[in-house]
Amino acid sequence: MLFLSLLWLTIGLLIGGLAWLARCAPSSWQRLAWIWLPVLGAVVACAAGWLGALLLGNLLSTALTLWITVLSILVLPRVVDGIRGFYTRFSIKRV
């Protein structure tokens, strides 16, 4: 399982790095997107890999990790940016 964990972390770092090279980060992340996307990819890949190993077994967990990591790298930054924008637009200003 140590080998699989390292493989999942590597997959996550590679997918996050490719997403950064493809400029898939929201505009508010441009200063630190080079570190946030690979870290997000590594965390999601490790979590998806362990969840896939528990639910589907070791054989299919790597394929599940790949798909979940790609999907989350494309969706999660935009969701976080949208939530942040929603709260800044409709925040209550204290006097």
C-alpha atoms as a PDB file:
ATOM      1  CA  MET A   1       0.000   0.000   0.000  1.00  0.00           C
ATOM      2  CA  LEU A   2       2.976   2.314   0.450  1.00  0.00           C
ATOM      3  CA  PHE A   3       3.792   1.976  -3.239  1.00  0.00           C
ATOM      4  CA  LEU A   4       0.193   2.710  -4.193  1.00  0.00           C
ATOM      5  CA  SER A   5       0.096   5.750  -1.902  1.00  0.00           C
ATOM      6  CA  LEU A   6       3.247   7.132  -3.493  1.00  0.00           C
ATOM      7  CA  LEU A   7       1.815   6.393  -6.932  1.00  0.00           C
ATOM      8  CA  TRP A   8      -1.404   8.244  -6.095  1.00  0.00           C
ATOM      9  CA  LEU A   9       0.534  11.228  -4.738  1.00  0.00           C
ATOM     10  CA  THR A  10       2.624  11.302  -7.911  1.00  0.00           C
ATOM     11  CA  ILE A  11      -0.493  11.111 -10.079  1.00  0.00           C
ATOM     12  CA  GLY A  12      -2.023  13.989  -8.142  1.00  0.00           C
ATOM     13  CA  LEU A  13       1.103  16.131  -8.427  1.00  0.00           C
ATOM     14  CA  LEU A  14       1.333  15.472 -12.162  1.00  0.00           C
ATOM     15  CA  ILE A  15      -2.329  16.244 -12.814  1.00  0.00           C
ATOM     16  CA  GLY A  16      -2.117  19.407 -10.718  1.00  0.00           C
ATOM     17  CA  GLY A  17       1.034  20.471 -12.552  1.00  0.00           C
ATOM     18  CA  LEU A  18      -0.582  19.853 -15.918  1.00  0.00           C
ATOM     19  CA  ALA A  19      -3.638  21.841 -14.841  1.00  0.00           C
ATOM     20  CA  TRP A  20      -1.367  24.717 -13.826  1.00  0.00           C
ATOM     21  CA  LEU A  21       0.434  24.587 -17.173  1.00  0.00           C
ATOM     22  CA  ALA A  22      -2.937  24.606 -18.955  1.00  0.00           C
ATOM     23  CA  ARG A  23      -3.944  27.685 -16.885  1.00  0.00           C
ATOM     24  CA  CYS A  24      -6.983  25.975 -15.348  1.00  0.00           C
ATOM     25  CA  ALA A  25      -6.792  27.979 -12.119  1.00  0.00           C
ATOM     26  CA  PRO A  26      -9.263  30.796 -11.434  1.00  0.00           C
ATOM     27  CA  SER A  27      -8.026  34.333 -11.922  1.00  0.00           C
ATOM     28  CA  SER A  28      -7.920  35.005  -8.182  1.00  0.00           C
ATOM     29  CA  TRP A  29      -5.394  32.165  -7.712  1.00  0.00           C
ATOM     30  CA  GLN A  30      -2.816  33.435 -10.217  1.00  0.00           C
ATOM     31  CA  ARG A  31      -0.199  34.397  -7.645  1.00  0.00           C
ATOM     32  CA  LEU A  32      -0.070  31.024  -5.868  1.00  0.00           C
ATOM     33  CA  ALA A  33      -1.705  28.714  -8.410  1.00  0.00           C
ATOM     34  CA  TRP A  34       1.625  27.010  -9.134  1.00  0.00           C
ATOM     35  CA  ILE A  35       1.581  25.500  -5.620  1.00  0.00           C
ATOM     36  CA  TRP A  36      -2.156  25.213  -4.896  1.00  0.00           C
ATOM     37  CA  LEU A  37      -3.091  23.056  -7.886  1.00  0.00           C
ATOM     38  CA  PRO A  38      -0.427  20.339  -7.384  1.00  0.00           C
ATOM     39  CA  VAL A  39      -1.111  20.241  -3.631  1.00  0.00           C
ATOM     40  CA  LEU A  40      -4.850  20.000  -4.256  1.00  0.00           C
ATOM     41  CA  GLY A  41      -4.214  17.249  -6.781  1.00  0.00           C
ATOM     42  CA  ALA A  42      -2.017  15.288  -4.385  1.00  0.00           C
ATOM     43  CA  VAL A  43      -4.491  15.528  -1.504  1.00  0.00           C
ATOM     44  CA  VAL A  44      -7.466  14.572  -3.644  1.00  0.00           C
ATOM     45  CA  ALA A  45      -5.571  11.741  -5.325  1.00  0.00           C
ATOM     46  CA  CYS A  46      -4.471  10.255  -2.009  1.00  0.00           C
ATOM     47  CA  ALA A  47      -7.971  10.483  -0.551  1.00  0.00           C
ATOM     48  CA  ALA A  48      -9.552   9.050  -3.713  1.00  0.00           C
ATOM     49  CA  GLY A  49      -6.995   6.269  -3.833  1.00  0.00           C
ATOM     50  CA  TRP A  50      -7.614   5.148  -0.281  1.00  0.00           C
ATOM     51  CA  LEU A  51     -11.367   5.395  -0.729  1.00  0.00           C
ATOM     52  CA  GLY A  52     -11.116   3.441  -3.973  1.00  0.00           C
ATOM     53  CA  ALA A  53      -8.953   0.792  -2.315  1.00  0.00           C
ATOM     54  CA  LEU A  54     -11.515   0.367   0.442  1.00  0.00           C
ATOM     55  CA  LEU A  55     -14.520   0.241  -1.875  1.00  0.00           C
ATOM     56  CA  LEU A  56     -13.224  -1.385  -5.068  1.00  0.00           C
ATOM     57  CA  GLY A  57      -9.944  -3.050  -4.156  1.00  0.00           C
ATOM     58  CA  ASN A  58      -6.378  -2.358  -5.185  1.00  0.00           C
ATOM     59  CA  LEU A  59      -6.879  -3.183  -8.847  1.00  0.00           C
ATOM     60  CA  LEU A  60      -9.418  -0.484  -9.700  1.00  0.00           C
ATOM     61  CA  SER A  61      -8.376   2.142  -7.166  1.00  0.00           C
ATOM     62  CA  THR A  62      -5.744   3.739  -9.409  1.00  0.00           C
ATOM     63  CA  ALA A  63      -8.196   4.237 -12.268  1.00  0.00           C
ATOM     64  CA  LEU A  64     -10.718   5.722  -9.860  1.00  0.00           C
ATOM     65  CA  THR A  65      -8.002   7.988  -8.460  1.00  0.00           C
ATOM     66  CA  LEU A  66      -7.143   9.253 -11.917  1.00  0.00           C
ATOM     67  CA  TRP A  67     -10.728  10.132 -12.834  1.00  0.00           C
ATOM     68  CA  ILE A  68     -11.643  11.720  -9.503  1.00  0.00           C
ATOM     69  CA  THR A  69      -8.453  13.787  -9.447  1.00  0.00           C
ATOM     70  CA  VAL A  70      -8.965  15.143 -12.961  1.00  0.00           C
ATOM     71  CA  LEU A  71     -12.582  15.988 -12.215  1.00  0.00           C
ATOM     72  CA  SER A  72     -11.802  17.641  -8.896  1.00  0.00           C
ATOM     73  CA  ILE A  73      -8.892  19.676 -10.286  1.00  0.00           C
ATOM     74  CA  LEU A  74     -11.228  21.085 -12.928  1.00  0.00           C
ATOM     75  CA  VAL A  75     -14.220  21.688 -10.633  1.00  0.00           C
ATOM     76  CA  LEU A  76     -13.006  22.483  -7.087  1.00  0.00           C
ATOM     77  CA  PRO A  77     -11.026  25.680  -7.820  1.00  0.00           C
ATOM     78  CA  ARG A  78     -14.000  27.197  -9.623  1.00  0.00           C
ATOM     79  CA  VAL A  79     -16.386  26.220  -6.838  1.00  0.00           C
ATOM     80  CA  VAL A  80     -14.103  27.750  -4.195  1.00  0.00           C
ATOM     81  CA  ASP A  81     -13.711  30.906  -6.270  1.00  0.00           C
ATOM     82  CA  GLY A  82     -17.477  31.135  -6.776  1.00  0.00           C
ATOM     83  CA  ILE A  83     -18.183  30.741  -3.067  1.00  0.00           C
ATOM     84  CA  ARG A  84     -15.556  33.351  -2.223  1.00  0.00           C
ATOM     85  CA  GLY A  85     -17.052  35.750  -4.769  1.00  0.00           C
ATOM     86  CA  PHE A  86     -20.566  35.145  -3.459  1.00  0.00           C
ATOM     87  CA  TYR A  87     -19.576  35.988   0.089  1.00  0.00           C
ATOM     88  CA  THR A  88     -17.623  39.076  -0.910  1.00  0.00           C
ATOM     89  CA  ARG A  89     -20.523  40.405  -2.997  1.00  0.00           C
ATOM     90  CA  PHE A  90     -23.183  39.824  -0.363  1.00  0.00           C
ATOM     91  CA  SER A  91     -21.181  40.387   2.788  1.00  0.00           C
ATOM     92  CA  ILE A  92     -22.622  42.486   5.566  1.00  0.00           C
ATOM     93  CA  LYS A  93     -20.614  45.610   6.106  1.00  0.00           C
ATOM     94  CA  ARG A  94     -20.108  46.404   9.758  1.00  0.00           C
ATOM     95  CA  VAL A  95     -20.207  50.003  10.809  1.00  0.00           C
END
